[in-house]
Amino acid sequence: MTRTPAGRLFRTATGHDLVLTRSFRAPAADVWASLTESERTARWFGPWEGDARPGQTIRVQLAYEEQQPWCDVRIDGCEPPRRLAVSMVDDHGSWLLELTLTETDGTTELRFVQHLSDVRGIAEVGAGWEYYLDLLVASRDGAPRPEFDEYHPAMRPYYQELAATEQA
């Protein structure tokens, strides 16, 4: 199957924002549960454990990565069911993420943002988030999980071009 990359890159005062969106025919509260309840995040990202509230750090298992590592994720902001901001540092770098939900007429749009200090590695990062967000869609729809090789390296040229355009 051919996947179409949809990420966009925006220059900010501190670097760039990688923005991806997905739409769901569901209320925001239900999509929020898919983003925040451990048994539901386990279906598309990984389970988590700990005290999930702003200022606290939880442990998340990256269930769809090699060796399924655990990492610490700090909850920087949480405004149910509209906004979740988290940060984490792992072997692959620093991750500042923000997820916002907007519901209109029974459809909820998820706006996923990774705040980047630079665009190095965006070809891998962009494809990875496309994959995870499509895992989220599949988990909600009861559809088969996509395969990572449908995303990487196939989406590399798209994300490399985004980075080159923004750096020009």
C-alpha atoms as a PDB file:
ATOM      1  CA  MET A   1       0.000   0.000   0.000  1.00  0.00           C
ATOM      2  CA  THR A   2       1.235   3.501  -0.794  1.00  0.00           C
ATOM      3  CA  ARG A   3       0.906   6.017   2.032  1.00  0.00           C
ATOM      4  CA  THR A   4       0.699   9.726   1.325  1.00  0.00           C
ATOM      5  CA  PRO A   5       2.664  11.940   3.717  1.00  0.00           C
ATOM      6  CA  ALA A   6       0.686  14.852   5.107  1.00  0.00           C
ATOM      7  CA  GLY A   7       3.038  16.582   7.533  1.00  0.00           C
ATOM      8  CA  ARG A   8       3.696  20.297   7.251  1.00  0.00           C
ATOM      9  CA  LEU A   9       6.592  22.296   8.589  1.00  0.00           C
ATOM     10  CA  PHE A  10       6.298  25.822   9.970  1.00  0.00           C
ATOM     11  CA  ARG A  11       9.083  28.153  11.059  1.00  0.00           C
ATOM     12  CA  THR A  12       8.712  29.450  14.634  1.00  0.00           C
ATOM     13  CA  ALA A  13      10.675  31.854  16.831  1.00  0.00           C
ATOM     14  CA  THR A  14      12.564  28.909  18.363  1.00  0.00           C
ATOM     15  CA  GLY A  15      12.908  26.579  15.361  1.00  0.00           C
ATOM     16  CA  HIS A  16      10.178  24.723  13.507  1.00  0.00           C
ATOM     17  CA  ASP A  17       6.895  22.952  14.186  1.00  0.00           C
ATOM     18  CA  LEU A  18       6.154  19.676  12.444  1.00  0.00           C
ATOM     19  CA  VAL A  19       2.353  19.507  12.194  1.00  0.00           C
ATOM     20  CA  LEU A  20       0.248  16.477  11.286  1.00  0.00           C
ATOM     21  CA  THR A  21      -3.522  16.152  11.485  1.00  0.00           C
ATOM     22  CA  ARG A  22      -6.013  13.317  11.522  1.00  0.00           C
ATOM     23  CA  SER A  23      -9.830  13.448  11.614  1.00  0.00           C
ATOM     24  CA  PHE A  24     -12.178  11.113  13.468  1.00  0.00           C
ATOM     25  CA  ARG A  25     -15.946  10.698  13.268  1.00  0.00           C
ATOM     26  CA  ALA A  26     -16.194  10.739  17.060  1.00  0.00           C
ATOM     27  CA  PRO A  27     -16.616  13.196  19.913  1.00  0.00           C
ATOM     28  CA  ALA A  28     -13.478  14.858  21.275  1.00  0.00           C
ATOM     29  CA  ALA A  29     -13.907  13.096  24.637  1.00  0.00           C
ATOM     30  CA  ASP A  30     -13.665   9.686  22.945  1.00  0.00           C
ATOM     31  CA  VAL A  31     -10.577  10.653  20.910  1.00  0.00           C
ATOM     32  CA  TRP A  32      -9.086  12.134  24.108  1.00  0.00           C
ATOM     33  CA  ALA A  33      -9.485   8.749  25.782  1.00  0.00           C
ATOM     34  CA  SER A  34      -7.504   7.155  22.925  1.00  0.00           C
ATOM     35  CA  LEU A  35      -4.700   9.633  23.654  1.00  0.00           C
ATOM     36  CA  THR A  36      -4.678   9.418  27.438  1.00  0.00           C
ATOM     37  CA  GLU A  37      -5.980   6.075  28.779  1.00  0.00           C
ATOM     38  CA  SER A  38      -3.206   3.491  29.105  1.00  0.00           C
ATOM     39  CA  GLU A  39      -5.275   0.555  27.855  1.00  0.00           C
ATOM     40  CA  ARG A  40      -6.161   2.576  24.739  1.00  0.00           C
ATOM     41  CA  THR A  41      -2.700   4.078  24.107  1.00  0.00           C
ATOM     42  CA  ALA A  42      -1.385   0.496  24.280  1.00  0.00           C
ATOM     43  CA  ARG A  43      -3.290  -0.230  21.052  1.00  0.00           C
ATOM     44  CA  TRP A  44      -1.352   2.301  18.974  1.00  0.00           C
ATOM     45  CA  PHE A  45       1.643   3.714  20.870  1.00  0.00           C
ATOM     46  CA  GLY A  46       2.225   1.844  24.080  1.00  0.00           C
ATOM     47  CA  PRO A  47       0.958   1.479  27.636  1.00  0.00           C
ATOM     48  CA  TRP A  48       1.983   3.886  30.359  1.00  0.00           C
ATOM     49  CA  GLU A  49       2.183   3.865  34.130  1.00  0.00           C
ATOM     50  CA  GLY A  50       2.424   6.534  36.797  1.00  0.00           C
ATOM     51  CA  ASP A  51       0.680   9.640  38.104  1.00  0.00           C
ATOM     52  CA  ALA A  52      -0.594  11.336  34.948  1.00  0.00           C
ATOM     53  CA  ARG A  53      -1.074  14.983  35.811  1.00  0.00           C
ATOM     54  CA  PRO A  54       0.660  18.228  34.881  1.00  0.00           C
ATOM     55  CA  GLY A  55       4.168  18.524  36.255  1.00  0.00           C
ATOM     56  CA  GLN A  56       4.495  14.771  36.780  1.00  0.00           C
ATOM     57  CA  THR A  57       6.467  12.197  34.814  1.00  0.00           C
ATOM     58  CA  ILE A  58       5.001   8.914  33.631  1.00  0.00           C
ATOM     59  CA  ARG A  59       6.737   5.923  32.073  1.00  0.00           C
ATOM     60  CA  VAL A  60       5.642   4.909  28.578  1.00  0.00           C
ATOM     61  CA  GLN A  61       6.543   1.684  26.820  1.00  0.00           C
ATOM     62  CA  LEU A  62       7.138   2.237  23.119  1.00  0.00           C
ATOM     63  CA  ALA A  63       5.326  -0.923  22.082  1.00  0.00           C
ATOM     64  CA  TYR A  64       5.956  -0.555  18.344  1.00  0.00           C
ATOM     65  CA  GLU A  65       9.704   0.141  18.536  1.00  0.00           C
ATOM     66  CA  GLU A  66      12.483  -2.442  18.500  1.00  0.00           C
ATOM     67  CA  GLN A  67      12.938  -4.017  21.941  1.00  0.00           C
ATOM     68  CA  GLN A  68       9.874  -2.084  23.210  1.00  0.00           C
ATOM     69  CA  PRO A  69      11.835   0.330  25.436  1.00  0.00           C
ATOM     70  CA  TRP A  70      10.366   2.347  28.298  1.00  0.00           C
ATOM     71  CA  CYS A  71      10.918   6.110  28.448  1.00  0.00           C
ATOM     72  CA  ASP A  72      10.035   8.928  30.812  1.00  0.00           C
ATOM     73  CA  VAL A  73       7.419  11.408  29.595  1.00  0.00           C
ATOM     74  CA  ARG A  74       6.774  14.613  31.503  1.00  0.00           C
ATOM     75  CA  ILE A  75       3.260  16.041  31.315  1.00  0.00           C
ATOM     76  CA  ASP A  76       3.755  19.747  30.644  1.00  0.00           C
ATOM     77  CA  GLY A  77       0.103  20.654  30.091  1.00  0.00           C
ATOM     78  CA  CYS A  78      -3.230  18.868  30.209  1.00  0.00           C
ATOM     79  CA  GLU A  79      -6.611  20.440  29.441  1.00  0.00           C
ATOM     80  CA  PRO A  80      -9.100  17.586  28.935  1.00  0.00           C
ATOM     81  CA  PRO A  81     -10.443  16.933  26.363  1.00  0.00           C
ATOM     82  CA  ARG A  82      -8.720  19.569  24.244  1.00  0.00           C
ATOM     83  CA  ARG A  83      -4.935  19.806  24.784  1.00  0.00           C
ATOM     84  CA  LEU A  84      -2.062  17.620  25.946  1.00  0.00           C
ATOM     85  CA  ALA A  85       1.571  18.789  25.964  1.00  0.00           C
ATOM     86  CA  VAL A  86       4.410  16.427  26.880  1.00  0.00           C
ATOM     87  CA  SER A  87       8.184  16.312  26.733  1.00  0.00           C
ATOM     88  CA  MET A  88      10.644  13.465  26.787  1.00  0.00           C
ATOM     89  CA  VAL A  89      14.284  12.760  26.188  1.00  0.00           C
ATOM     90  CA  ASP A  90      15.463   9.399  24.897  1.00  0.00           C
ATOM     91  CA  ASP A  91      18.330   7.891  22.914  1.00  0.00           C
ATOM     92  CA  HIS A  92      16.998   9.565  19.762  1.00  0.00           C
ATOM     93  CA  GLY A  93      16.747  13.121  21.063  1.00  0.00           C
ATOM     94  CA  SER A  94      14.415  15.571  22.766  1.00  0.00           C
ATOM     95  CA  TRP A  95      10.740  15.472  22.009  1.00  0.00           C
ATOM     96  CA  LEU A  96       8.396  18.395  22.717  1.00  0.00           C
ATOM     97  CA  LEU A  97       4.921  17.329  21.636  1.00  0.00           C
ATOM     98  CA  GLU A  98       1.542  19.018  21.690  1.00  0.00           C
ATOM     99  CA  LEU A  99      -1.778  17.414  20.771  1.00  0.00           C
ATOM    100  CA  THR A 100      -4.950  19.457  20.401  1.00  0.00           C
ATOM    101  CA  LEU A 101      -8.469  18.302  19.611  1.00  0.00           C
ATOM    102  CA  THR A 102     -11.160  20.375  17.927  1.00  0.00           C
ATOM    103  CA  GLU A 103     -14.682  18.987  17.580  1.00  0.00           C
ATOM    104  CA  THR A 104     -17.088  20.253  14.932  1.00  0.00           C
ATOM    105  CA  ASP A 105     -20.407  18.611  14.016  1.00  0.00           C
ATOM    106  CA  GLY A 106     -19.464  15.164  15.348  1.00  0.00           C
ATOM    107  CA  THR A 107     -15.995  15.136  13.802  1.00  0.00           C
ATOM    108  CA  THR A 108     -12.859  15.669  15.862  1.00  0.00           C
ATOM    109  CA  GLU A 109      -9.626  16.869  14.358  1.00  0.00           C
ATOM    110  CA  LEU A 110      -6.382  15.924  16.063  1.00  0.00           C
ATOM    111  CA  ARG A 111      -3.565  18.405  15.492  1.00  0.00           C
ATOM    112  CA  PHE A 112      -0.259  16.824  16.430  1.00  0.00           C
ATOM    113  CA  VAL A 113       2.739  19.162  16.747  1.00  0.00           C
ATOM    114  CA  GLN A 114       6.354  18.353  17.419  1.00  0.00           C
ATOM    115  CA  HIS A 115       8.293  21.482  18.352  1.00  0.00           C
ATOM    116  CA  LEU A 116      11.748  21.166  16.771  1.00  0.00           C
ATOM    117  CA  SER A 117      14.884  23.166  17.497  1.00  0.00           C
ATOM    118  CA  ASP A 118      16.211  22.131  14.067  1.00  0.00           C
ATOM    119  CA  VAL A 119      15.082  19.950  11.168  1.00  0.00           C
ATOM    120  CA  ARG A 120      17.908  17.396  11.155  1.00  0.00           C
ATOM    121  CA  GLY A 121      16.438  13.919  11.115  1.00  0.00           C
ATOM    122  CA  ILE A 122      13.005  15.105  10.041  1.00  0.00           C
ATOM    123  CA  ALA A 123      12.822  12.449   7.298  1.00  0.00           C
ATOM    124  CA  GLU A 124      12.764   9.724   9.947  1.00  0.00           C
ATOM    125  CA  VAL A 125      10.757  11.692  12.500  1.00  0.00           C
ATOM    126  CA  GLY A 126       8.026  12.700  10.039  1.00  0.00           C
ATOM    127  CA  ALA A 127       7.589   9.174   8.722  1.00  0.00           C
ATOM    128  CA  GLY A 128       7.523   7.851  12.286  1.00  0.00           C
ATOM    129  CA  TRP A 129       4.740  10.181  13.398  1.00  0.00           C
ATOM    130  CA  GLU A 130       2.748   9.437  10.214  1.00  0.00           C
ATOM    131  CA  TYR A 131       3.034   5.752  11.144  1.00  0.00           C
ATOM    132  CA  TYR A 132       1.996   6.246  14.771  1.00  0.00           C
ATOM    133  CA  LEU A 133      -0.968   8.462  13.882  1.00  0.00           C
ATOM    134  CA  ASP A 134      -2.132   5.894  11.334  1.00  0.00           C
ATOM    135  CA  LEU A 135      -1.774   3.243  14.055  1.00  0.00           C
ATOM    136  CA  LEU A 136      -4.105   5.430  16.133  1.00  0.00           C
ATOM    137  CA  VAL A 137      -6.600   5.589  13.262  1.00  0.00           C
ATOM    138  CA  ALA A 138      -6.417   1.814  12.739  1.00  0.00           C
ATOM    139  CA  SER A 139      -6.861   1.144  16.471  1.00  0.00           C
ATOM    140  CA  ARG A 140     -10.001   3.262  16.543  1.00  0.00           C
ATOM    141  CA  ASP A 141     -11.417   1.842  13.298  1.00  0.00           C
ATOM    142  CA  GLY A 142     -10.605  -1.790  14.065  1.00  0.00           C
ATOM    143  CA  ALA A 143      -8.527  -1.864  10.878  1.00  0.00           C
ATOM    144  CA  PRO A 144      -5.316  -3.856  10.390  1.00  0.00           C
ATOM    145  CA  ARG A 145      -2.177  -2.161  11.667  1.00  0.00           C
ATOM    146  CA  PRO A 146      -0.046  -0.543   8.988  1.00  0.00           C
ATOM    147  CA  GLU A 147       3.519  -1.746   8.450  1.00  0.00           C
ATOM    148  CA  PHE A 148       6.360   0.685   9.151  1.00  0.00           C
ATOM    149  CA  ASP A 149       8.029  -0.091   5.819  1.00  0.00           C
ATOM    150  CA  GLU A 150       5.038   1.586   4.128  1.00  0.00           C
ATOM    151  CA  TYR A 151       6.306   4.844   5.693  1.00  0.00           C
ATOM    152  CA  HIS A 152      10.058   4.638   5.839  1.00  0.00           C
ATOM    153  CA  PRO A 153      12.013   4.986   3.612  1.00  0.00           C
ATOM    154  CA  ALA A 154       9.126   5.800   1.238  1.00  0.00           C
ATOM    155  CA  MET A 155       8.361   9.168   2.888  1.00  0.00           C
ATOM    156  CA  ARG A 156      12.008  10.277   3.181  1.00  0.00           C
ATOM    157  CA  PRO A 157      12.009  12.399  -0.004  1.00  0.00           C
ATOM    158  CA  TYR A 158       8.852  14.249   1.032  1.00  0.00           C
ATOM    159  CA  TYR A 159      10.226  15.194   4.451  1.00  0.00           C
ATOM    160  CA  GLN A 160      13.693  15.971   3.094  1.00  0.00           C
ATOM    161  CA  GLU A 161      12.075  18.401   0.661  1.00  0.00           C
ATOM    162  CA  LEU A 162      10.085  20.015   3.486  1.00  0.00           C
ATOM    163  CA  ALA A 163      13.302  20.584   5.424  1.00  0.00           C
ATOM    164  CA  ALA A 164      15.177  21.883   2.369  1.00  0.00           C
ATOM    165  CA  THR A 165      12.366  24.336   1.563  1.00  0.00           C
ATOM    166  CA  GLU A 166      12.309  25.673   5.120  1.00  0.00           C
ATOM    167  CA  GLN A 167      16.079  26.066   5.261  1.00  0.00           C
ATOM    168  CA  ALA A 168      16.279  27.905   1.938  1.00  0.00           C
END
